[in-house]
Structure formats: C-alpha cells, structure tokens
C-alpha cells in the first residue's frame, strides 16, 4: 500500500506545484481614446447601485407577502 501511495504522490507532486493558469497582464501606456464625462459616470453609478440594491429592496418591500406564503 505504501509503495502505491509513494508512486501516486511522486507523479502528482510536480503537477500540483506548477501554476494551473499562466496569467499575463496587458498594459496600456497611452491615455484612453475617449474621456468619460460626469453624466456617464453618474449613470454608471446609478445602474450599479440599482443592480446591487434593487433585488434586496424588492425582497424587503414584499417581506410580508413572503411570510404569508411560508406559513
């Protein structure tokens, strides 16, 4: 049994030590082509806020209905 275990660990150890995915960072050294204005920034923040807070607000607003369905 120990011989089998040694064989398995000898084969698996080098594979486990290597990184699974090699990542390369892509760097851009020049400024962006188009600047983002304040209106676009506000719209972006509003959409992210709605996407994150919207579902939880919906659940909290309808909490009494959910309680009635569970009981």
N, C-alpha and C. Protein backbone atom coordinates (compact mmCIF):
# COMPACT_ATOMS: atom_id res chain seq x y z
N UNK A 1 0.83 -1.19 0.00
CA UNK A 1 0.00 0.00 0.00
C UNK A 1 0.87 1.25 0.00
N UNK A 2 1.95 1.25 0.80
CA UNK A 2 2.79 2.44 0.86
C UNK A 2 3.53 2.66 -0.46
N UNK A 3 3.86 1.59 -1.18
CA UNK A 3 4.50 1.73 -2.49
C UNK A 3 3.58 2.40 -3.49
N UNK A 4 2.32 2.03 -3.45
CA UNK A 4 1.33 2.66 -4.33
C UNK A 4 1.15 4.12 -3.99
N UNK A 5 1.11 4.42 -2.70
CA UNK A 5 0.96 5.81 -2.26
C UNK A 5 2.17 6.65 -2.68
N UNK A 6 3.38 6.09 -2.53
CA UNK A 6 4.58 6.81 -2.95
C UNK A 6 4.58 7.08 -4.45
N UNK A 7 4.13 6.11 -5.24
CA UNK A 7 4.08 6.27 -6.69
C UNK A 7 3.09 7.36 -7.07
N UNK A 8 1.94 7.36 -6.42
CA UNK A 8 0.93 8.38 -6.73
C UNK A 8 1.41 9.78 -6.35
N UNK A 9 2.02 9.92 -5.20
CA UNK A 9 2.49 11.24 -4.78
C UNK A 9 3.67 11.71 -5.61
N UNK A 10 4.51 10.79 -6.04
CA UNK A 10 5.65 11.16 -6.88
C UNK A 10 5.18 11.70 -8.22
N UNK A 11 4.09 11.14 -8.73
CA UNK A 11 3.58 11.62 -10.03
C UNK A 11 2.73 12.87 -9.88
N UNK A 12 2.03 13.00 -8.77
CA UNK A 12 1.11 14.13 -8.59
C UNK A 12 1.80 15.38 -8.08
N UNK A 13 2.88 15.24 -7.32
CA UNK A 13 3.52 16.39 -6.70
C UNK A 13 4.02 17.43 -7.71
N UNK A 14 4.73 17.05 -8.78
CA UNK A 14 5.17 18.09 -9.74
C UNK A 14 4.01 18.81 -10.41
N UNK A 15 2.93 18.09 -10.66
CA UNK A 15 1.77 18.71 -11.31
C UNK A 15 1.12 19.72 -10.37
N UNK A 16 1.05 19.40 -9.10
CA UNK A 16 0.41 20.29 -8.14
C UNK A 16 1.26 21.52 -7.84
N UNK A 17 2.54 21.44 -8.04
CA UNK A 17 3.41 22.58 -7.76
C UNK A 17 3.39 23.62 -8.87
N UNK A 18 3.09 23.21 -10.09
CA UNK A 18 3.07 24.15 -11.22
C UNK A 18 1.80 25.00 -11.17
N UNK A 19 1.90 26.25 -11.60
CA UNK A 19 0.68 27.07 -11.65
C UNK A 19 -0.28 26.52 -12.72
N UNK A 20 -1.55 26.52 -12.40
CA UNK A 20 -2.55 25.95 -13.30
C UNK A 20 -2.74 26.82 -14.54
N UNK A 21 -2.79 28.13 -14.35
CA UNK A 21 -3.02 29.03 -15.46
C UNK A 21 -1.96 30.12 -15.41
N UNK A 22 -1.32 30.32 -16.53
CA UNK A 22 -0.35 31.41 -16.60
C UNK A 22 -1.08 32.68 -16.99
N UNK A 23 -0.91 33.72 -16.21
CA UNK A 23 -1.61 34.98 -16.47
C UNK A 23 -0.61 36.03 -16.90
N UNK A 24 -0.99 36.75 -17.92
CA UNK A 24 -0.16 37.86 -18.37
C UNK A 24 -0.99 39.14 -18.26
N UNK A 25 -0.38 40.16 -17.73
CA UNK A 25 -1.07 41.44 -17.62
C UNK A 25 -0.88 42.21 -18.92
N UNK A 26 -1.95 42.77 -19.41
CA UNK A 26 -1.84 43.60 -20.60
C UNK A 26 -1.79 45.06 -20.15
N UNK A 27 -0.72 45.72 -20.44
CA UNK A 27 -0.52 47.09 -20.01
C UNK A 27 -0.71 48.04 -21.19
N UNK A 28 -1.39 49.12 -20.92
CA UNK A 28 -1.58 50.16 -21.93
C UNK A 28 -0.88 51.41 -21.44
N UNK A 29 -0.02 51.97 -22.27
CA UNK A 29 0.78 53.11 -21.82
C UNK A 29 0.26 54.44 -22.33
N UNK A 30 -0.75 54.42 -23.18
CA UNK A 30 -1.27 55.69 -23.69
C UNK A 30 -2.61 56.01 -23.02
N UNK A 31 -3.01 57.27 -23.03
CA UNK A 31 -4.30 57.65 -22.40
C UNK A 31 -5.47 57.09 -23.20
N UNK A 32 -6.65 57.03 -22.58
CA UNK A 32 -7.81 56.49 -23.28
C UNK A 32 -8.22 57.37 -24.46
N UNK A 33 -8.89 56.75 -25.43
CA UNK A 33 -9.31 57.48 -26.63
C UNK A 33 -10.40 58.49 -26.30
N UNK A 34 -11.38 58.07 -25.52
CA UNK A 34 -12.49 58.95 -25.16
C UNK A 34 -12.55 59.11 -23.65
N UNK A 35 -12.76 60.34 -23.19
CA UNK A 35 -12.91 60.57 -21.76
C UNK A 35 -14.36 60.36 -21.37
N UNK A 36 -14.56 59.84 -20.17
CA UNK A 36 -15.90 59.61 -19.65
C UNK A 36 -16.33 60.87 -18.90
N UNK A 37 -17.47 61.39 -19.28
CA UNK A 37 -17.97 62.62 -18.68
C UNK A 37 -18.68 62.37 -17.36
N UNK A 38 -19.04 63.45 -16.66
CA UNK A 38 -19.72 63.30 -15.36
C UNK A 38 -21.11 62.68 -15.49
N UNK A 39 -21.82 62.96 -16.58
CA UNK A 39 -23.15 62.37 -16.77
C UNK A 39 -23.04 60.86 -16.93
N UNK A 40 -22.10 60.40 -17.74
CA UNK A 40 -21.92 58.96 -17.93
C UNK A 40 -21.49 58.28 -16.64
N UNK A 41 -20.67 58.97 -15.85
CA UNK A 41 -20.24 58.43 -14.57
C UNK A 41 -21.43 58.28 -13.63
N UNK A 42 -22.28 59.29 -13.56
CA UNK A 42 -23.46 59.22 -12.68
C UNK A 42 -24.42 58.12 -13.12
N UNK A 43 -24.60 57.98 -14.43
CA UNK A 43 -25.49 56.92 -14.93
C UNK A 43 -24.91 55.55 -14.59
N UNK A 44 -23.60 55.40 -14.74
CA UNK A 44 -22.96 54.13 -14.39
C UNK A 44 -23.11 53.79 -12.93
N UNK A 45 -22.87 54.76 -12.04
CA UNK A 45 -23.04 54.53 -10.61
C UNK A 45 -24.49 54.19 -10.27
N UNK A 46 -25.42 54.87 -10.92
CA UNK A 46 -26.84 54.60 -10.66
C UNK A 46 -27.22 53.18 -11.09
N UNK A 47 -26.72 52.74 -12.23
CA UNK A 47 -27.04 51.39 -12.71
C UNK A 47 -26.44 50.32 -11.80
N UNK A 48 -25.19 50.53 -11.36
CA UNK A 48 -24.58 49.57 -10.43
C UNK A 48 -25.35 49.53 -9.11
N UNK A 49 -25.74 50.69 -8.61
CA UNK A 49 -26.49 50.74 -7.35
C UNK A 49 -27.83 50.03 -7.50
N UNK A 50 -28.50 50.27 -8.61
CA UNK A 50 -29.78 49.61 -8.85
C UNK A 50 -29.62 48.11 -8.97
N UNK A 51 -28.56 47.67 -9.64
CA UNK A 51 -28.34 46.23 -9.81
C UNK A 51 -28.02 45.55 -8.49
N UNK A 52 -27.35 46.26 -7.59
CA UNK A 52 -26.97 45.66 -6.32
C UNK A 52 -28.08 45.80 -5.28
N UNK A 53 -28.66 46.99 -5.17
CA UNK A 53 -29.65 47.25 -4.13
C UNK A 53 -31.09 46.95 -4.55
N UNK A 54 -31.35 46.86 -5.83
CA UNK A 54 -32.71 46.63 -6.32
C UNK A 54 -33.33 45.33 -5.83
N UNK A 55 -32.66 44.18 -6.03
CA UNK A 55 -33.27 42.92 -5.58
C UNK A 55 -33.50 42.85 -4.07
N UNK A 56 -32.55 43.35 -3.30
CA UNK A 56 -32.74 43.32 -1.84
C UNK A 56 -33.87 44.26 -1.42
N UNK A 57 -34.00 45.39 -2.08
CA UNK A 57 -35.11 46.30 -1.79
C UNK A 57 -36.45 45.68 -2.14
N UNK A 58 -36.48 44.93 -3.24
CA UNK A 58 -37.71 44.24 -3.64
C UNK A 58 -38.12 43.22 -2.58
N UNK A 59 -37.17 42.44 -2.10
CA UNK A 59 -37.48 41.43 -1.09
C UNK A 59 -37.96 42.10 0.19
N UNK A 60 -37.30 43.16 0.61
CA UNK A 60 -37.71 43.84 1.84
C UNK A 60 -39.09 44.49 1.69
N UNK A 61 -39.40 45.01 0.51
CA UNK A 61 -40.69 45.63 0.29
C UNK A 61 -41.83 44.60 0.30
N UNK A 62 -41.54 43.37 -0.10
CA UNK A 62 -42.57 42.33 -0.18
C UNK A 62 -42.39 41.27 0.91
N UNK A 63 -41.74 41.62 1.99
CA UNK A 63 -41.44 40.67 3.06
C UNK A 63 -42.71 40.08 3.68
N UNK A 64 -43.72 40.89 3.87
CA UNK A 64 -44.96 40.40 4.49
C UNK A 64 -45.64 39.36 3.60
N UNK A 65 -45.58 39.56 2.28
CA UNK A 65 -46.18 38.59 1.37
C UNK A 65 -45.43 37.27 1.43
N UNK A 66 -44.11 37.34 1.52
CA UNK A 66 -43.30 36.12 1.61
C UNK A 66 -43.55 35.39 2.91
N UNK A 67 -43.80 36.14 3.99
CA UNK A 67 -44.10 35.49 5.28
C UNK A 67 -45.41 34.75 5.20
N UNK A 68 -46.41 35.34 4.52
CA UNK A 68 -47.73 34.70 4.41
C UNK A 68 -47.64 33.42 3.57
N UNK A 69 -46.80 33.43 2.52
CA UNK A 69 -46.66 32.24 1.67
C UNK A 69 -46.00 31.10 2.42
N UNK A 70 -45.05 31.40 3.30
CA UNK A 70 -44.31 30.37 4.02
C UNK A 70 -45.16 29.75 5.12
N UNK A 71 -46.08 30.50 5.67
CA UNK A 71 -46.87 30.00 6.81
C UNK A 71 -48.05 29.17 6.38
